[in-house]
Protein backbone atom coordinates (compact mmCIF):
# COMPACT_ATOMS: atom_id res chain seq x y z
CA UNK A 1 34.08 -7.92 -33.05
CA UNK A 2 30.58 -7.32 -31.82
CA UNK A 3 29.42 -3.74 -31.61
CA UNK A 4 28.21 -3.08 -28.05
CA UNK A 5 25.81 -0.44 -29.37
CA UNK A 6 23.92 -3.15 -31.23
CA UNK A 7 23.22 -5.17 -28.06
CA UNK A 8 19.87 -4.37 -26.45
CA UNK A 9 19.83 -4.14 -22.67
CA UNK A 10 16.60 -5.67 -21.36
CA UNK A 11 15.73 -5.19 -17.71
CA UNK A 12 14.00 -7.99 -15.88
CA UNK A 13 10.98 -6.54 -14.01
CA UNK A 14 11.75 -8.92 -11.14
CA UNK A 15 14.96 -6.94 -10.49
CA UNK A 16 12.91 -3.96 -9.27
CA UNK A 17 12.93 -4.44 -5.50
CA UNK A 18 12.14 -2.10 -2.62
CA UNK A 19 15.28 -0.90 -0.84
CA UNK A 20 15.21 1.46 2.14
CA UNK A 21 18.37 3.55 2.45
CA UNK A 22 17.15 4.53 5.91
CA UNK A 23 14.26 3.24 8.04
CA UNK A 24 11.02 4.98 6.99
CA UNK A 25 9.82 7.41 9.66
CA UNK A 26 6.94 9.31 8.04
CA UNK A 27 3.92 7.79 6.36
CA UNK A 28 1.06 9.44 4.47
CA UNK A 29 -2.28 7.64 4.82
CA UNK A 30 -4.84 8.35 2.09
CA UNK A 31 -8.35 7.02 2.55
CA UNK A 32 -11.35 6.91 0.26
CA UNK A 33 -13.65 9.85 0.95
CA UNK A 34 -17.35 9.57 1.80
CA UNK A 35 -17.15 5.85 2.52
CA UNK A 36 -18.15 4.75 6.02
CA UNK A 37 -16.76 1.24 5.46
CA UNK A 38 -13.21 2.63 5.32
CA UNK A 39 -13.38 4.46 8.67
CA UNK A 40 -12.73 1.45 10.94
CA UNK A 41 -9.75 0.14 8.90
CA UNK A 42 -8.37 3.69 8.75
CA UNK A 43 -8.48 4.08 12.54
CA UNK A 44 -6.95 0.64 13.16
CA UNK A 45 -4.14 1.32 10.69
CA UNK A 46 -3.28 4.80 11.96
CA UNK A 47 -3.34 3.66 15.60
CA UNK A 48 -1.08 0.69 14.78
CA UNK A 49 1.42 2.87 12.89
CA UNK A 50 1.57 5.32 15.80
CA UNK A 51 1.70 2.86 18.68
CA UNK A 52 3.51 -0.16 17.26
CA UNK A 53 5.82 1.41 14.65
CA UNK A 54 6.33 4.85 16.23
CA UNK A 55 5.89 6.53 12.85
CA UNK A 56 4.84 10.09 12.09
CA UNK A 57 1.47 9.81 10.35
CA UNK A 58 0.28 12.43 7.85
CA UNK A 59 -3.33 12.78 6.71
CA UNK A 60 -5.22 15.36 4.69
CA UNK A 61 -6.77 18.05 6.90
CA UNK A 62 -10.21 17.33 5.40
CA UNK A 63 -10.07 13.86 6.98
CA UNK A 64 -10.26 15.37 10.46
CA UNK A 65 -13.51 17.11 9.52
CA UNK A 66 -15.33 13.80 9.01
CA UNK A 67 -18.22 13.76 11.49
CA UNK A 68 -18.45 9.96 11.74
CA UNK A 69 -14.70 9.68 12.26
CA UNK A 70 -14.73 12.21 15.09
CA UNK A 71 -17.38 10.14 16.86
CA UNK A 72 -15.02 7.18 17.01
CA UNK A 73 -13.65 6.83 20.56
CA UNK A 74 -10.41 5.22 19.44
CA UNK A 75 -9.78 7.98 16.90
CA UNK A 76 -10.31 10.73 19.49
CA UNK A 77 -7.36 9.36 21.46
CA UNK A 78 -4.96 9.65 18.52
CA UNK A 79 -6.40 12.65 16.65
CA UNK A 80 -3.95 15.18 18.06
CA UNK A 81 -0.96 12.99 17.15
CA UNK A 82 -1.63 13.27 13.40
CA UNK A 83 0.15 15.73 11.10
CA UNK A 84 -2.12 17.36 8.52
CA UNK A 85 -1.72 19.06 5.15
CA UNK A 86 -4.01 20.85 2.70
CA UNK A 87 -4.18 19.76 -0.93
CA UNK A 88 -2.91 22.45 -3.28
CA UNK A 89 -1.41 24.52 -0.47
CA UNK A 90 1.23 22.42 1.31
CA UNK A 91 4.21 20.91 -0.47
CA UNK A 92 4.90 17.30 0.58
CA UNK A 93 8.13 16.93 -1.40
CA UNK A 94 10.86 15.21 0.68
CA UNK A 95 8.56 15.06 3.72
CA UNK A 96 7.01 11.61 3.20
CA UNK A 97 8.89 8.29 3.21
CA UNK A 98 6.00 5.99 2.48
CA UNK A 99 2.35 6.14 1.33
CA UNK A 100 -0.52 3.85 2.32
CA UNK A 101 -3.80 4.02 0.36
CA UNK A 102 -7.09 2.71 1.71
CA UNK A 103 -9.85 2.50 -0.89
CA UNK A 104 -10.05 2.02 -4.62
CA UNK A 105 -7.94 3.00 -7.61
CA UNK A 106 -8.89 6.64 -7.10
CA UNK A 107 -6.77 6.83 -3.95
CA UNK A 108 -3.67 5.87 -5.94
CA UNK A 109 -4.50 8.45 -8.62
CA UNK A 110 -4.84 11.04 -5.86
CA UNK A 111 -1.43 10.09 -4.45
CA UNK A 112 0.04 10.59 -7.92
CA UNK A 113 -1.60 14.02 -8.11
CA UNK A 114 -0.15 15.10 -4.74
CA UNK A 115 3.42 14.34 -5.83
CA UNK A 116 4.18 16.04 -9.14
CA UNK A 117 7.83 15.07 -8.98
CA UNK A 118 9.41 12.19 -7.05
CA UNK A 119 6.85 9.86 -5.44
CA UNK A 120 7.46 7.76 -2.30
CA UNK A 121 6.69 4.01 -2.47
CA UNK A 122 2.93 3.37 -2.42
CA UNK A 123 1.19 0.44 -0.73
CA UNK A 124 -2.46 0.26 -1.75
CA UNK A 125 -5.11 -1.76 0.11
CA UNK A 126 -8.26 -2.84 -1.71
CA UNK A 127 -11.23 -1.30 0.09
CA UNK A 128 -13.01 0.17 -2.92
CA UNK A 129 -14.97 -1.02 -5.94
CA UNK A 130 -12.71 -2.28 -8.73
CA UNK A 131 -9.35 -2.41 -7.00
CA UNK A 132 -7.31 -2.89 -10.16
CA UNK A 133 -4.36 -0.92 -8.75
CA UNK A 134 -4.80 -2.00 -5.12
CA UNK A 135 -3.37 -5.54 -4.73
CA UNK A 136 -3.29 -5.80 -0.90
CA UNK A 137 -6.10 -7.13 1.30
CA UNK A 138 -6.60 -5.52 4.70
CA UNK A 139 -7.23 -8.73 6.68
CA UNK A 140 -3.59 -9.15 7.78
CA UNK A 141 -2.30 -5.62 7.27
CA UNK A 142 0.09 -5.83 10.24
CA UNK A 143 2.05 -8.71 8.76
CA UNK A 144 2.10 -7.20 5.27
CA UNK A 145 3.15 -3.73 6.43
CA UNK A 146 5.88 -5.14 8.67
CA UNK A 147 7.28 -7.09 5.73
CA UNK A 148 7.28 -3.98 3.53
CA UNK A 149 8.88 -1.79 6.20
CA UNK A 150 11.65 -4.38 6.48
CA UNK A 151 12.25 -4.08 2.72
CA UNK A 152 10.83 -7.43 1.63
CA UNK A 153 8.80 -6.41 -1.41
CA UNK A 154 8.86 -6.11 -5.18
CA UNK A 155 8.13 -2.85 -6.98
CA UNK A 156 6.29 -1.92 -10.14
CA UNK A 157 7.43 1.41 -11.53
CA UNK A 158 4.31 2.84 -13.14
CA UNK A 159 5.26 5.49 -15.68
CA UNK A 160 3.41 8.80 -15.84
CA UNK A 161 2.75 11.26 -18.63
CA UNK A 162 3.98 14.83 -18.44
CA UNK A 163 1.38 17.12 -20.01
CA UNK A 164 1.98 20.80 -20.80
CA UNK A 165 -0.67 23.17 -22.18
CA UNK A 166 0.57 25.85 -24.59
CA UNK A 167 -1.87 28.70 -24.99
CA UNK A 168 -1.95 30.81 -28.13
CA UNK A 169 -2.19 33.89 -25.96
CA UNK A 170 0.95 33.00 -24.03
CA UNK A 171 3.59 32.24 -26.68
CA UNK A 172 6.36 33.77 -24.61
CA UNK A 173 6.43 30.59 -22.51
CA UNK A 174 6.68 28.31 -25.54
CA UNK A 175 10.42 27.85 -25.12
CA UNK A 176 10.31 27.53 -21.32
CA UNK A 177 8.52 24.21 -20.86
CA UNK A 178 11.57 22.83 -19.08
CA UNK A 179 13.70 24.65 -16.51
CA UNK A 180 17.16 23.54 -15.50
CA UNK A 181 17.97 23.08 -11.84
CA UNK A 182 21.39 23.55 -10.25
CA UNK A 183 22.40 19.99 -11.10
CA UNK A 184 21.59 20.49 -14.74
CA UNK A 185 18.73 17.97 -14.61
CA UNK A 186 15.44 18.96 -16.21
CA UNK A 187 12.49 19.50 -13.92
CA UNK A 188 8.82 20.06 -14.82
CA UNK A 189 7.70 23.58 -15.61
CA UNK A 190 5.10 25.20 -13.41
CA UNK A 191 2.22 24.57 -15.83
CA UNK A 192 2.91 20.87 -16.33
CA UNK A 193 0.65 18.11 -15.00
CA UNK A 194 1.70 14.51 -14.41
CA UNK A 195 -0.95 11.85 -14.97
CA UNK A 196 -0.87 8.17 -14.04
CA UNK A 197 -3.70 6.87 -16.22
CA UNK A 198 -4.46 9.09 -19.19
CA UNK A 199 -5.08 12.50 -20.67
CA UNK A 200 -8.34 12.69 -22.62
CA UNK A 201 -9.17 15.13 -25.39
CA UNK A 202 -12.87 15.12 -26.31
CA UNK A 203 -15.52 17.25 -28.03
CA UNK A 204 -17.16 18.33 -24.79
CA UNK A 205 -20.77 19.55 -25.10
CA UNK A 206 -20.50 20.20 -28.84
CA UNK A 207 -22.68 18.09 -31.19
CA UNK A 208 -19.95 18.15 -33.87
CA UNK A 209 -17.13 15.66 -34.30
CA UNK A 210 -13.77 16.45 -32.79
CA UNK A 211 -11.16 17.33 -35.39
CA UNK A 212 -7.80 16.96 -33.69
CA UNK A 213 -4.34 17.06 -35.30
CA UNK A 214 -1.74 14.65 -33.92
CA UNK A 215 2.02 15.23 -34.22
CA UNK A 216 4.86 12.96 -33.11
CA UNK A 217 8.25 14.57 -32.49
CA UNK A 218 7.16 17.51 -34.63
CA UNK A 219 5.97 15.39 -37.56
CA UNK A 220 2.31 15.38 -38.56
CA UNK A 221 0.84 11.91 -38.10
CA UNK A 222 -2.92 12.10 -38.63
CA UNK A 223 -6.14 13.93 -37.79
CA UNK A 224 -8.63 12.38 -35.39
CA UNK A 225 -12.25 12.80 -36.40
CA UNK A 226 -14.57 11.32 -33.83
CA UNK A 227 -15.51 11.79 -30.19
CA UNK A 228 -11.92 12.37 -29.12
CA UNK A 229 -8.55 10.87 -28.27
CA UNK A 230 -7.03 9.05 -25.28
CA UNK A 231 -3.30 9.25 -24.61
CA UNK A 232 -2.52 6.77 -21.87
CA UNK A 233 0.27 5.11 -19.95
CA UNK A 234 0.55 1.30 -19.78
CA UNK A 235 -1.21 1.61 -16.40
CA UNK A 236 -4.04 3.53 -18.09
CA UNK A 237 -4.33 0.94 -20.86
CA UNK A 238 -6.68 -1.06 -18.60
CA UNK A 239 -8.82 2.00 -17.80
CA UNK A 240 -10.65 4.26 -20.30
CA UNK A 241 -8.45 3.04 -23.17
CA UNK A 242 -9.55 -0.57 -22.64
CA UNK A 243 -13.20 0.53 -22.87
CA UNK A 244 -12.35 2.25 -26.17
CA UNK A 245 -10.90 -0.95 -27.65
CA UNK A 246 -7.19 -0.65 -26.86
CA UNK A 247 -4.89 -3.49 -25.95
CA UNK A 248 -3.81 -3.98 -22.34
CA UNK A 249 -0.11 -3.32 -21.71
CA UNK A 250 1.90 -4.44 -18.71
CA UNK A 251 2.93 -1.38 -16.64
CA UNK A 252 6.64 -2.22 -16.97
CA UNK A 253 6.54 -1.73 -20.75
CA UNK A 254 8.01 1.68 -21.73
CA UNK A 255 5.33 2.97 -24.08
CA UNK A 256 2.58 5.51 -24.73
CA UNK A 257 -0.77 4.36 -26.07
CA UNK A 258 -2.86 6.49 -28.45
CA UNK A 259 -6.50 5.42 -28.69
CA UNK A 260 -9.28 7.16 -30.65
CA UNK A 261 -12.72 7.48 -29.08
CA UNK A 262 -15.44 6.37 -31.52
CA UNK A 263 -13.46 7.41 -34.66
CA UNK A 264 -15.44 8.08 -37.83
CA UNK A 265 -13.22 5.60 -39.65
CA UNK A 266 -13.25 1.83 -39.88
CA UNK A 267 -9.45 1.62 -40.10
CA UNK A 268 -8.35 3.83 -37.18
CA UNK A 269 -6.94 1.35 -34.70
CA UNK A 270 -5.17 2.17 -31.40
CA UNK A 271 -1.40 2.51 -31.69
CA UNK A 272 1.54 2.19 -29.30
CA UNK A 273 4.53 4.54 -29.60
CA UNK A 274 7.89 4.55 -27.75
CA UNK A 275 8.01 6.18 -24.34
CA UNK A 276 10.66 8.72 -25.36
CA UNK A 277 8.66 10.57 -28.02
CA UNK A 278 6.73 13.81 -27.62
CA UNK A 279 3.14 14.00 -28.80
CA UNK A 280 1.56 17.29 -29.76
CA UNK A 281 -2.23 17.53 -29.91
CA UNK A 282 -4.01 20.58 -31.29
CA UNK A 283 -7.43 21.53 -32.63
CA UNK A 284 -7.42 21.33 -36.42
CA UNK A 285 -7.85 24.69 -38.20
CA UNK A 286 -10.85 23.17 -40.04
CA UNK A 287 -12.53 22.03 -36.83
CA UNK A 288 -16.06 23.36 -36.27
CA UNK A 289 -15.60 23.39 -32.51
CA UNK A 290 -13.03 23.49 -29.73
CA UNK A 291 -11.96 20.49 -27.65
CA UNK A 292 -11.78 19.75 -23.93
CA UNK A 293 -8.93 18.16 -22.01
CA UNK A 294 -8.97 16.29 -18.69
CA UNK A 295 -6.03 14.84 -16.77
CA UNK A 296 -6.79 11.62 -14.90
CA UNK A 297 -10.39 12.81 -14.80
CA UNK A 298 -9.47 16.17 -13.20
CA UNK A 299 -8.55 19.74 -14.13
CA UNK A 300 -10.87 19.78 -17.13
CA UNK A 301 -10.15 22.75 -19.41
CA UNK A 302 -10.93 23.91 -22.92
CA UNK A 303 -8.47 23.58 -25.81
CA UNK A 304 -9.02 26.45 -28.25
CA UNK A 305 -7.90 26.93 -31.84
CA UNK A 306 -4.20 27.78 -31.79
CA UNK A 307 -3.60 26.05 -28.44
CA UNK A 308 -1.66 22.82 -28.17
CA UNK A 309 -1.08 20.05 -25.66
CA UNK A 310 2.33 18.39 -25.48
CA UNK A 311 2.61 14.94 -23.90
CA UNK A 312 5.68 12.87 -23.14
CA UNK A 313 6.76 10.28 -20.57
CA UNK A 314 7.75 11.79 -17.23
CA UNK A 315 11.03 10.94 -15.51
CA UNK A 316 9.08 10.51 -12.26
CA UNK A 317 7.21 7.16 -12.11
CA UNK A 318 4.97 5.97 -9.27
CA UNK A 319 6.70 3.11 -7.39
CA UNK A 320 3.90 0.73 -6.42
CA UNK A 321 4.60 -2.05 -3.96
CA UNK A 322 3.55 -5.51 -5.16
CA UNK A 323 1.60 -7.99 -3.08
CA UNK A 324 3.38 -10.88 -4.85
CA UNK A 325 5.42 -9.75 -7.85
CA UNK A 326 5.04 -7.65 -11.01
CA UNK A 327 3.68 -10.46 -13.18
CA UNK A 328 1.41 -12.24 -10.69
CA UNK A 329 -0.19 -9.01 -9.47
CA UNK A 330 -1.00 -7.80 -12.97
CA UNK A 331 -2.59 -11.02 -14.19
CA UNK A 332 -4.48 -11.39 -10.91
CA UNK A 333 -5.93 -7.91 -11.42
CA UNK A 334 -6.91 -8.78 -14.99
CA UNK A 335 -8.71 -11.89 -13.79
CA UNK A 336 -10.34 -10.37 -10.69
CA UNK A 337 -11.09 -6.88 -11.97
CA UNK A 338 -11.90 -7.45 -15.64
CA UNK A 339 -12.60 -11.22 -15.72
CA UNK A 340 -10.06 -11.46 -18.53
CA UNK A 341 -10.49 -14.58 -20.68
CA UNK A 342 -13.07 -16.11 -18.35
CA UNK A 343 -15.26 -18.76 -19.98
CA UNK A 344 -16.49 -22.27 -19.39
CA UNK A 345 -13.90 -24.94 -20.06
CA UNK A 346 -14.38 -27.10 -23.12
CA UNK A 347 -15.07 -30.71 -22.17
CA UNK A 348 -12.49 -33.32 -23.12
CA UNK A 349 -13.52 -36.30 -25.23
CA UNK A 350 -13.64 -38.63 -22.22
CA UNK A 351 -16.47 -36.55 -20.79
CA UNK A 352 -18.55 -36.98 -23.94
CA UNK A 353 -19.20 -40.68 -23.31
CA UNK A 354 -22.87 -40.37 -24.17
CA UNK A 355 -21.95 -39.47 -27.74
CA UNK A 356 -18.93 -41.69 -28.25
CA UNK A 357 -20.66 -44.79 -26.84
CA UNK A 358 -23.26 -44.81 -29.62
CA UNK A 359 -22.49 -45.10 -33.32
CA UNK A 360 -23.65 -42.68 -35.95
CA UNK A 361 -26.39 -45.08 -37.15
CA UNK A 362 -27.86 -45.39 -33.63
CA UNK A 363 -27.86 -41.65 -33.34
CA UNK A 364 -29.77 -41.28 -36.61
CA UNK A 365 -32.29 -43.91 -35.52
CA UNK A 366 -32.89 -42.05 -32.26
CA UNK A 367 -33.48 -38.83 -34.18
CA UNK A 368 -36.04 -40.54 -36.44
CA UNK A 369 -37.86 -42.00 -33.43
CA UNK A 370 -38.02 -38.59 -31.83
CA UNK A 371 -39.61 -37.20 -34.97
CA UNK A 372 -42.25 -39.95 -34.92
CA UNK A 373 -43.09 -39.17 -31.28
CA UNK A 374 -43.41 -35.50 -32.11
CA UNK A 375 -45.92 -36.26 -34.87
């Protein structure tokens, strides 16, 4: 008889579909800051959600302080209908049903930062620069949003990394990185940070090489001597990691990528490890300097000797709504954003008639004649 434990269960990404258990009532709209080109789409979208869909619209309080936005006549009529929050002060957990991002990839990273546990479905419109994580175009936003609100959409669950800093001066919290809730399910400790792209450990302003020790599930793996180390999600594999020479991984692949930054070794290649492992990064005792850590480009802080950073895959992914499906969206972003494998097509033999029509002897004669003319 076959052993069921030896049969691998492989999930088809196409099976991840958006399902509303109740009609969405509240929507958070995040727009790119300091960009005048986003103001008009923002006003049109918010007005449409309020008037046509009767939804409760949340925006960051700083949005209402935009001088150009407050000069917009249409916005003045709806300004008082918006619900506001302050980043770092108000908790949005269980208050938002749906998120709409207007801008570039940074708006999606900001949405991930706001929700450090469960994240509502995110629909991102491309109004920024690169737009690798923003598959929707704003031209027909009414039709696209209506389709999504009716539940006709595919999802990509983008995994995040849970990062916890352990300070040498605070060892009493070493064993309390996870707290148990009433249901017995683990929830992030207060000092944990969830990142969507990557956590970067670098040498900061020091002129010396970084000397970083890397452990995997408590076992010493190697020491990184170079400019630093990138620990990224599959989503982050097309960001900083790609610039450092890493492979690009589809966001549905359960994995963690470890990429050195300018290693002082010809054989140190990027590696991919399973999503379930825990990585521990610390400054080597022999290191001449400390290191610096940043989380999705934010919260930059120094990593001293004796400190450690523990990284593992979070149980809270970011559910991103697809414009088409998980596969088409990803390859479209590779082609549009990074011009992946773009080159001129090689001509087929039928197109080389000028060479095939003449024999090799004629070709040699023509070359000799050209030489005579040159003389």
